[in-house]
Protein backbone atom coordinates (compact mmCIF):
# COMPACT_ATOMS: atom_id res chain seq x y z
CA MET A 1 2.96 -17.75 -10.02
CA THR A 2 0.60 -20.21 -8.37
CA ASP A 3 -2.05 -17.53 -7.89
CA LEU A 4 -1.64 -16.32 -11.46
CA ALA A 5 -2.00 -19.83 -12.87
CA ALA A 6 -5.06 -20.45 -10.70
CA HIS A 7 -6.68 -17.19 -11.81
CA ALA A 8 -5.96 -17.89 -15.49
CA GLY A 9 -7.38 -21.39 -15.06
CA THR A 10 -10.57 -19.96 -13.56
CA VAL A 11 -10.92 -17.53 -16.47
CA ARG A 12 -10.40 -20.29 -19.02
CA ALA A 13 -12.94 -22.53 -17.28
CA ALA A 14 -15.54 -19.75 -17.38
CA LEU A 15 -15.27 -19.39 -21.15
CA PRO A 16 -16.99 -21.67 -23.69
CA ASP A 17 -14.84 -23.85 -25.91
CA ARG A 18 -15.56 -21.69 -28.96
CA VAL A 19 -13.97 -18.65 -27.32
CA GLU A 20 -10.21 -18.41 -27.75
CA LEU A 21 -8.25 -16.76 -24.94
CA TYR A 22 -5.19 -14.79 -26.02
CA TYR A 23 -3.03 -12.87 -23.54
CA ALA A 24 -2.15 -9.28 -24.51
CA VAL A 25 1.60 -9.34 -23.91
CA LYS A 26 1.84 -5.56 -23.60
CA ALA A 27 0.33 -5.82 -20.10
CA ASN A 28 3.36 -7.67 -18.71
CA PRO A 29 5.85 -9.51 -20.95
CA ALA A 30 7.98 -11.07 -18.19
CA PRO A 31 9.07 -14.57 -19.28
CA GLU A 32 7.89 -16.01 -15.97
CA ILE A 33 4.43 -14.56 -16.60
CA LEU A 34 4.26 -15.91 -20.15
CA ARG A 35 5.26 -19.40 -19.04
CA ALA A 36 2.79 -19.43 -16.13
CA LEU A 37 -0.05 -18.51 -18.50
CA ALA A 38 0.91 -20.97 -21.25
CA PRO A 39 -1.20 -23.93 -20.03
CA HIS A 40 -4.33 -21.76 -19.84
CA VAL A 41 -4.28 -19.53 -22.92
CA THR A 42 -4.83 -20.25 -26.61
CA GLY A 43 -2.02 -17.91 -27.63
CA TYR A 44 -0.53 -14.44 -27.23
CA GLU A 45 -1.29 -11.07 -28.82
CA VAL A 46 1.85 -9.09 -29.68
CA ALA A 47 2.15 -5.55 -31.01
CA SER A 48 5.75 -5.17 -32.18
CA ALA A 49 8.64 -7.14 -33.62
CA GLY A 50 10.29 -6.98 -30.21
CA GLU A 51 7.30 -8.60 -28.52
CA LEU A 52 6.97 -11.12 -31.32
CA THR A 53 10.59 -12.25 -31.01
CA HIS A 54 10.48 -12.26 -27.21
CA VAL A 55 7.37 -14.43 -27.04
CA ARG A 56 8.59 -16.78 -29.77
CA ASP A 57 11.80 -17.33 -27.78
CA THR A 58 9.98 -17.79 -24.47
CA VAL A 59 6.94 -19.91 -25.38
CA PRO A 60 7.53 -21.08 -28.95
CA GLU A 61 4.78 -23.68 -28.89
CA LEU A 62 1.77 -21.33 -28.84
CA PRO A 63 0.31 -19.24 -31.71
CA LEU A 64 0.63 -15.48 -31.98
CA ALA A 65 -1.67 -12.73 -33.22
CA PHE A 66 0.12 -9.57 -34.38
CA GLY A 67 -1.68 -6.25 -33.90
CA GLY A 68 -0.90 -2.58 -33.46
CA PRO A 69 -1.73 0.61 -35.38
CA GLY A 70 1.73 1.35 -36.80
CA LYS A 71 3.42 -1.78 -38.16
CA THR A 72 6.60 -1.24 -40.15
CA GLU A 73 7.57 -3.09 -43.30
CA ALA A 74 10.26 -4.97 -41.35
CA GLU A 75 7.72 -6.04 -38.73
CA LEU A 76 5.22 -7.30 -41.29
CA ARG A 77 7.98 -9.15 -43.09
CA LEU A 78 9.02 -10.80 -39.81
CA ALA A 79 5.41 -11.77 -39.10
CA LEU A 80 5.20 -13.49 -42.48
CA GLU A 81 8.59 -15.18 -42.17
CA THR A 82 7.82 -16.59 -38.72
CA GLY A 83 4.32 -17.78 -39.57
CA VAL A 84 2.34 -15.61 -37.15
CA HIS A 85 -1.07 -17.18 -36.67
CA ARG A 86 -3.11 -14.01 -37.39
CA ILE A 87 -2.23 -10.48 -38.53
CA HIS A 88 -4.65 -7.71 -37.58
CA VAL A 89 -4.72 -5.26 -40.49
CA GLU A 90 -5.69 -1.68 -39.57
CA SER A 91 -5.82 0.24 -42.86
CA GLU A 92 -5.97 -0.08 -46.63
CA SER A 93 -2.36 1.08 -46.85
CA GLU A 94 -1.23 -1.59 -44.41
CA LEU A 95 -3.20 -4.18 -46.34
CA ARG A 96 -1.49 -3.14 -49.59
CA LEU A 97 1.93 -3.42 -47.96
CA LEU A 98 1.18 -6.81 -46.42
CA ALA A 99 -0.19 -8.16 -49.71
CA ALA A 100 2.92 -6.99 -51.55
CA LEU A 101 5.21 -8.56 -48.96
CA ALA A 102 3.27 -11.82 -49.11
CA GLU A 103 4.26 -12.07 -52.78
CA GLN A 104 7.95 -11.74 -51.85
CA VAL A 105 8.32 -13.75 -48.65
CA PRO A 106 8.27 -17.55 -48.86
CA VAL A 107 5.48 -18.75 -46.56
CA ARG A 108 4.32 -22.23 -45.60
CA ARG A 109 0.62 -21.35 -45.85
CA PRO A 110 -1.45 -18.35 -46.97
CA PRO A 111 -1.09 -15.54 -44.40
CA GLU A 112 -4.34 -15.19 -42.46
CA VAL A 113 -5.67 -11.77 -41.52
CA LEU A 114 -8.41 -10.11 -39.54
CA LEU A 115 -9.51 -6.62 -40.57
CA ARG A 116 -9.67 -4.33 -37.56
CA VAL A 117 -12.61 -1.95 -37.74
CA ASN A 118 -13.54 1.12 -35.73
CA LEU A 119 -17.26 0.61 -35.31
CA PRO A 120 -19.79 3.27 -34.28
CA THR A 121 -21.21 2.23 -30.94
CA GLY A 122 -24.14 4.54 -30.36
CA SER A 123 -24.87 6.76 -27.41
CA GLY A 124 -23.82 5.47 -24.01
CA ALA A 125 -22.24 2.19 -25.18
CA LEU A 126 -18.80 3.17 -23.93
CA ASP A 127 -19.87 5.08 -20.83
CA GLY A 128 -17.58 4.22 -17.95
CA ALA A 129 -14.71 3.04 -20.13
CA ALA A 130 -11.26 3.94 -18.86
CA LEU A 131 -9.88 4.09 -22.43
CA THR A 132 -11.67 4.23 -25.77
CA MET A 133 -9.98 2.93 -28.91
CA GLY A 134 -13.09 3.05 -31.09
CA GLY A 135 -16.60 4.39 -31.42
CA ARG A 136 -15.15 7.84 -32.13
CA PRO A 137 -12.28 9.27 -34.24
CA THR A 138 -9.13 7.31 -33.33
CA PRO A 139 -6.02 6.02 -35.14
CA PHE A 140 -7.13 2.43 -34.53
CA GLY A 141 -8.70 0.39 -37.30
CA LEU A 142 -10.64 0.97 -40.51
CA ASP A 143 -13.76 3.05 -40.85
CA PRO A 144 -16.50 0.59 -41.81
CA GLU A 145 -17.06 2.62 -44.98
CA ARG A 146 -13.55 1.69 -46.11
CA LEU A 147 -14.22 -2.06 -46.00
CA ALA A 148 -15.42 -2.23 -49.62
CA GLY A 149 -12.13 -0.72 -50.79
CA CYS A 150 -10.20 -3.54 -49.11
CA LEU A 151 -11.99 -6.38 -50.85
CA PRO A 152 -10.28 -6.08 -54.29
CA LEU A 153 -6.92 -5.96 -52.51
CA LEU A 154 -7.71 -9.21 -50.70
CA ALA A 155 -9.12 -10.90 -53.80
CA GLY A 156 -5.95 -10.31 -55.77
CA SER A 157 -3.52 -11.33 -53.04
CA ARG A 158 -2.13 -14.40 -51.29
CA LEU A 159 -3.78 -13.28 -48.05
CA ARG A 160 -6.69 -15.17 -46.54
CA LEU A 161 -9.35 -13.17 -44.74
CA ARG A 162 -10.60 -14.95 -41.61
CA GLY A 163 -12.89 -12.27 -40.20
CA PHE A 164 -12.84 -9.07 -38.18
CA HIS A 165 -11.29 -7.52 -35.10
CA ALA A 166 -12.76 -4.70 -33.00
CA HIS A 167 -11.20 -3.71 -29.69
CA LEU A 168 -13.16 -0.57 -28.86
CA ALA A 169 -12.68 0.13 -25.15
CA SER A 170 -10.98 -0.85 -21.92
CA GLY A 171 -12.31 -0.74 -18.37
CA LEU A 172 -15.85 -2.04 -18.89
CA GLU A 173 -17.73 -4.43 -16.62
CA ALA A 174 -19.16 -7.72 -17.91
CA PRO A 175 -22.65 -6.48 -18.94
CA ALA A 176 -21.19 -3.61 -20.96
CA GLN A 177 -18.57 -5.90 -22.48
CA LEU A 178 -21.26 -8.35 -23.53
CA ALA A 179 -23.38 -5.62 -25.09
CA LEU A 180 -20.33 -4.45 -27.03
CA ALA A 181 -19.52 -8.01 -28.12
CA GLU A 182 -23.08 -8.43 -29.40
CA ARG A 183 -22.76 -5.23 -31.42
CA ILE A 184 -19.39 -6.25 -32.88
CA VAL A 185 -20.44 -9.77 -33.88
CA THR A 186 -23.76 -8.58 -35.33
CA TRP A 187 -21.95 -5.99 -37.45
CA ALA A 188 -19.40 -8.59 -38.57
CA ARG A 189 -22.15 -11.04 -39.55
CA THR A 190 -24.00 -8.36 -41.51
CA ALA A 191 -20.82 -7.25 -43.31
CA ALA A 192 -19.83 -10.82 -44.14
CA ASP A 193 -23.27 -11.57 -45.57
CA ARG A 194 -23.37 -8.32 -47.54
CA TYR A 195 -20.03 -8.88 -49.25
CA GLY A 196 -20.00 -12.68 -49.35
CA LEU A 197 -17.03 -12.92 -46.99
CA PRO A 198 -16.00 -15.72 -44.65
CA LEU A 199 -16.61 -15.16 -40.97
CA ASP A 200 -14.48 -17.85 -39.38
CA GLU A 201 -13.44 -15.58 -36.49
CA VAL A 202 -14.38 -12.38 -34.70
CA ASN A 203 -11.93 -10.87 -32.26
CA ILE A 204 -13.89 -8.78 -29.73
CA GLY A 205 -10.79 -7.50 -27.93
CA GLY A 206 -9.96 -7.22 -24.25
CA GLY A 207 -10.32 -4.42 -21.75
CA MET A 208 -12.13 -6.27 -18.95
CA ASN A 209 -12.33 -3.88 -16.03
CA VAL A 210 -9.82 -3.88 -13.19
CA ASP A 211 -11.15 -1.65 -10.40
CA TYR A 212 -8.15 -0.03 -8.68
CA GLY A 213 -10.46 1.84 -6.31
CA ARG A 214 -12.01 -1.43 -5.11
CA PRO A 215 -9.45 -4.16 -5.81
CA GLU A 216 -11.53 -6.75 -3.99
CA ARG A 217 -14.23 -6.35 -6.65
CA ARG A 218 -13.43 -8.54 -9.64
CA PHE A 219 -14.69 -8.79 -13.20
CA ASP A 220 -17.60 -11.24 -13.50
CA TRP A 221 -15.91 -13.90 -15.61
CA ALA A 222 -18.65 -16.46 -14.99
CA GLY A 223 -21.38 -14.10 -16.20
CA TYR A 224 -19.26 -12.95 -19.11
CA GLY A 225 -18.53 -16.53 -20.16
CA ALA A 226 -22.21 -17.45 -20.02
CA GLY A 227 -23.07 -14.45 -22.17
CA LEU A 228 -20.39 -15.31 -24.71
CA ALA A 229 -21.67 -18.89 -24.86
CA ALA A 230 -25.13 -17.62 -25.76
CA LEU A 231 -23.62 -15.24 -28.34
CA ALA A 232 -21.57 -18.05 -29.88
CA ASP A 233 -24.68 -20.25 -30.10
CA ARG A 234 -26.39 -17.54 -32.15
CA HIS A 235 -23.45 -17.50 -34.58
CA PRO A 236 -22.52 -21.13 -35.24
CA GLY A 237 -19.38 -21.65 -37.27
CA THR A 238 -17.71 -18.47 -35.98
CA VAL A 239 -14.96 -18.61 -33.36
CA LEU A 240 -14.86 -15.71 -30.92
CA ARG A 241 -11.57 -14.46 -29.49
CA ILE A 242 -10.80 -12.24 -26.50
CA GLU A 243 -7.45 -10.63 -25.63
CA PRO A 244 -7.31 -9.59 -21.96
CA GLY A 245 -4.06 -8.34 -20.47
CA ARG A 246 -4.47 -6.40 -17.23
CA ALA A 247 -7.44 -8.53 -16.16
CA LEU A 248 -5.26 -11.67 -16.23
CA THR A 249 -2.05 -10.48 -14.57
CA GLY A 250 -2.85 -7.26 -12.71
CA TYR A 251 -3.99 -8.81 -9.45
CA CYS A 252 -1.00 -11.13 -9.19
CA GLY A 253 1.73 -8.52 -8.64
CA TRP A 254 2.83 -6.24 -5.78
CA TYR A 255 5.21 -3.31 -5.66
CA VAL A 256 6.79 -3.03 -2.21
CA THR A 257 8.94 -0.08 -1.24
CA GLU A 258 10.25 1.93 1.71
CA VAL A 259 9.12 5.25 3.19
CA LEU A 260 12.12 7.58 3.05
CA ASP A 261 10.55 10.62 4.70
CA VAL A 262 7.27 12.07 5.92
CA ARG A 263 6.78 15.83 5.80
CA HIS A 264 4.11 18.51 5.86
CA SER A 265 3.57 21.28 3.34
CA ALA A 266 0.86 23.94 3.71
CA GLY A 267 -0.95 21.71 6.17
CA GLU A 268 -0.88 18.54 4.05
CA ALA A 269 1.13 15.37 4.75
CA PHE A 270 3.42 13.75 2.18
CA ALA A 271 5.18 10.40 2.40
CA VAL A 272 8.16 10.23 0.06
CA LEU A 273 8.92 6.66 -1.03
CA ARG A 274 11.98 4.98 -2.45
CA GLY A 275 11.34 4.41 -6.15
CA GLY A 276 8.38 6.02 -7.84
CA THR A 277 6.38 6.02 -11.03
CA HIS A 278 9.54 5.15 -12.98
CA HIS A 279 8.97 1.70 -11.42
CA LEU A 280 5.15 1.62 -11.27
CA ARG A 281 3.71 4.04 -13.81
CA THR A 282 0.08 2.88 -13.65
CA PRO A 283 -1.19 5.48 -11.14
CA ALA A 284 0.40 8.34 -13.09
CA ALA A 285 -0.87 6.99 -16.41
CA LYS A 286 -4.43 6.42 -15.18
CA GLN A 287 -4.50 9.33 -12.69
CA HIS A 288 -5.91 7.23 -9.88
CA ASP A 289 -5.07 6.53 -6.25
CA HIS A 290 -3.32 3.18 -6.31
CA PRO A 291 -4.43 0.72 -3.61
CA PHE A 292 -1.81 0.11 -0.93
CA THR A 293 -1.17 -1.27 2.54
CA VAL A 294 1.26 0.22 5.06
CA LEU A 295 3.54 -2.38 6.64
CA LEU A 296 4.72 -0.96 9.97
CA ARG A 297 8.30 -1.56 11.04
CA ASN A 298 9.72 -0.74 14.46
CA ASP A 299 13.45 -0.87 13.72
CA TRP A 300 14.06 2.89 13.59
CA ALA A 301 17.73 3.35 14.57
CA ARG A 302 18.33 7.02 13.78
CA PRO A 303 19.37 9.28 16.68
CA TRP A 304 16.68 11.85 15.77
CA PRO A 305 12.87 11.73 16.03
CA ARG A 306 11.12 9.51 13.51
CA PRO A 307 9.00 11.54 11.07
CA GLY A 308 5.49 10.24 10.56
CA VAL A 309 1.77 10.92 10.74
CA HIS A 310 -1.12 9.27 12.53
CA GLY A 311 -4.79 9.38 11.55
CA GLU A 312 -4.62 11.97 8.77
CA PRO A 313 -4.70 11.92 4.96
CA VAL A 314 -1.35 11.39 3.24
CA THR A 315 -0.16 11.81 -0.34
CA LEU A 316 2.30 9.11 -1.39
CA THR A 317 5.00 10.29 -3.79
CA GLY A 318 8.23 8.94 -5.26
CA GLN A 319 11.78 10.21 -5.72
CA LEU A 320 11.37 11.88 -9.10
CA CYS A 321 11.79 15.60 -9.64
CA THR A 322 8.26 16.12 -10.92
CA PRO A 323 4.94 16.79 -9.17
CA LYS A 324 3.42 14.03 -11.31
CA ASP A 325 5.35 11.34 -9.43
CA VAL A 326 2.35 10.45 -7.25
CA PHE A 327 0.93 7.06 -6.25
CA ALA A 328 -2.08 8.23 -4.24
CA ARG A 329 -3.44 11.60 -3.08
CA ARG A 330 -4.75 12.53 0.36
CA VAL A 331 -5.58 8.97 1.36
CA PRO A 332 -6.49 8.44 5.05
CA VAL A 333 -4.02 6.15 6.84
CA GLY A 334 -3.84 4.89 10.39
CA ARG A 335 -0.10 5.51 10.62
CA VAL A 336 2.85 5.86 8.29
CA ARG A 337 6.42 6.70 9.30
CA ALA A 338 9.87 6.88 7.76
CA GLY A 339 11.26 3.36 7.63
CA ASP A 340 7.87 1.69 7.19
CA ARG A 341 7.12 -0.25 4.01
CA VAL A 342 4.27 0.33 1.58
CA ALA A 343 2.90 -2.54 -0.52
CA PHE A 344 0.98 -1.49 -3.63
CA ALA A 345 -1.50 -4.10 -4.85
CA VAL A 346 -2.65 -4.76 -8.44
CA ALA A 347 0.86 -4.17 -9.77
CA GLY A 348 1.11 -7.12 -12.12
CA ALA A 349 0.29 -5.21 -15.33
CA TYR A 350 1.39 -1.96 -16.98
CA ALA A 351 3.91 -1.31 -14.23
CA TRP A 352 7.65 -1.62 -14.82
CA ASN A 353 7.31 -2.37 -18.54
CA ILE A 354 5.63 0.99 -19.33
CA SER A 355 7.69 3.12 -16.94
CA HIS A 356 10.34 5.74 -17.83
CA HIS A 357 13.23 3.72 -16.38
CA THR A 358 16.14 6.05 -17.07
CA PHE A 359 14.66 9.32 -15.79
CA LEU A 360 17.04 10.40 -12.98
CA MET A 361 18.83 7.05 -13.31
CA HIS A 362 17.62 5.56 -10.05
CA PRO A 363 18.22 1.82 -9.60
CA ALA A 364 15.77 -0.65 -11.06
CA PRO A 365 13.59 -2.61 -8.63
CA ALA A 366 14.32 -6.24 -7.79
CA PHE A 367 11.86 -8.84 -9.08
CA TYR A 368 10.74 -11.95 -7.24
CA PHE A 369 8.48 -14.59 -8.79
CA LEU A 370 6.92 -16.74 -6.08
CA GLY A 371 5.02 -20.00 -6.13
């Protein structure tokens, strides 16, 4: 937890005061993680009633922003009843439902919303992104052309529009993120001026790149912060908000497991590990080779020869009955043997919490929070 707190503190220090830092809880909702981040973040972004309740119970003192493309009536009602700081509205239909609920639910202050928009980005703006949530047809956010239809709904409701939200992509480096932020804020300013709307806030999303292929290479937070400071100076009176998840917690977790067997098939080597992608789903979800280190152990006590390989590529797999249960493919290793340990780095986000825990009903991993 010490490393996580130090990293979050470095990120916060790199950002200008007019940039709010929210943590996207979906990346890793462990209570220990939420509490370690609390001194360094402005608040938390949640995307379900379950996350909302969990975070409220764990760190009740910090504000919440509630997003997600498919909010139910019960979830919106809960957001109103608990006084969520911001609600990200993704469609006209959702806006109608929220406005109707706001007339029914007693609230301490007018519910404050950001309209999430799916902005066109132009050719090449999202090149290199690992995931794209905008700039093309997606279920996320309003088409900009639908904005005018939302304005009468807002004018006749108890809702207060604060500004706009546009999380368009994940996996971009700082220069591309800054170019995208410039595009988002410029569009928001133009729309606000055109329709006479307030522009108190613009949420430019998260998605700062985490490079699993080169884990030693980190996102340029200092350069990104300097760019956001210049952007904020060009738009006085507007608060900018970012919502990183993986980029805050990913580097601060490890998944350590045991090599059960090493075998060859059609000339290729496979190391079968205890556990699998039902514990750490990231490599299966992103289809990458997850970075790892082999920890050699010399306590082999079996009465038969120890299976292993030396100086050849190895595919690391888990215990699941599917060929998709793969951590890394044909990666050169110095040596790996049954009984050795493998430590997977960058396992602090989108790991256990997005995995299919009950498939084959293997035991859950143990968790240790250090520092």
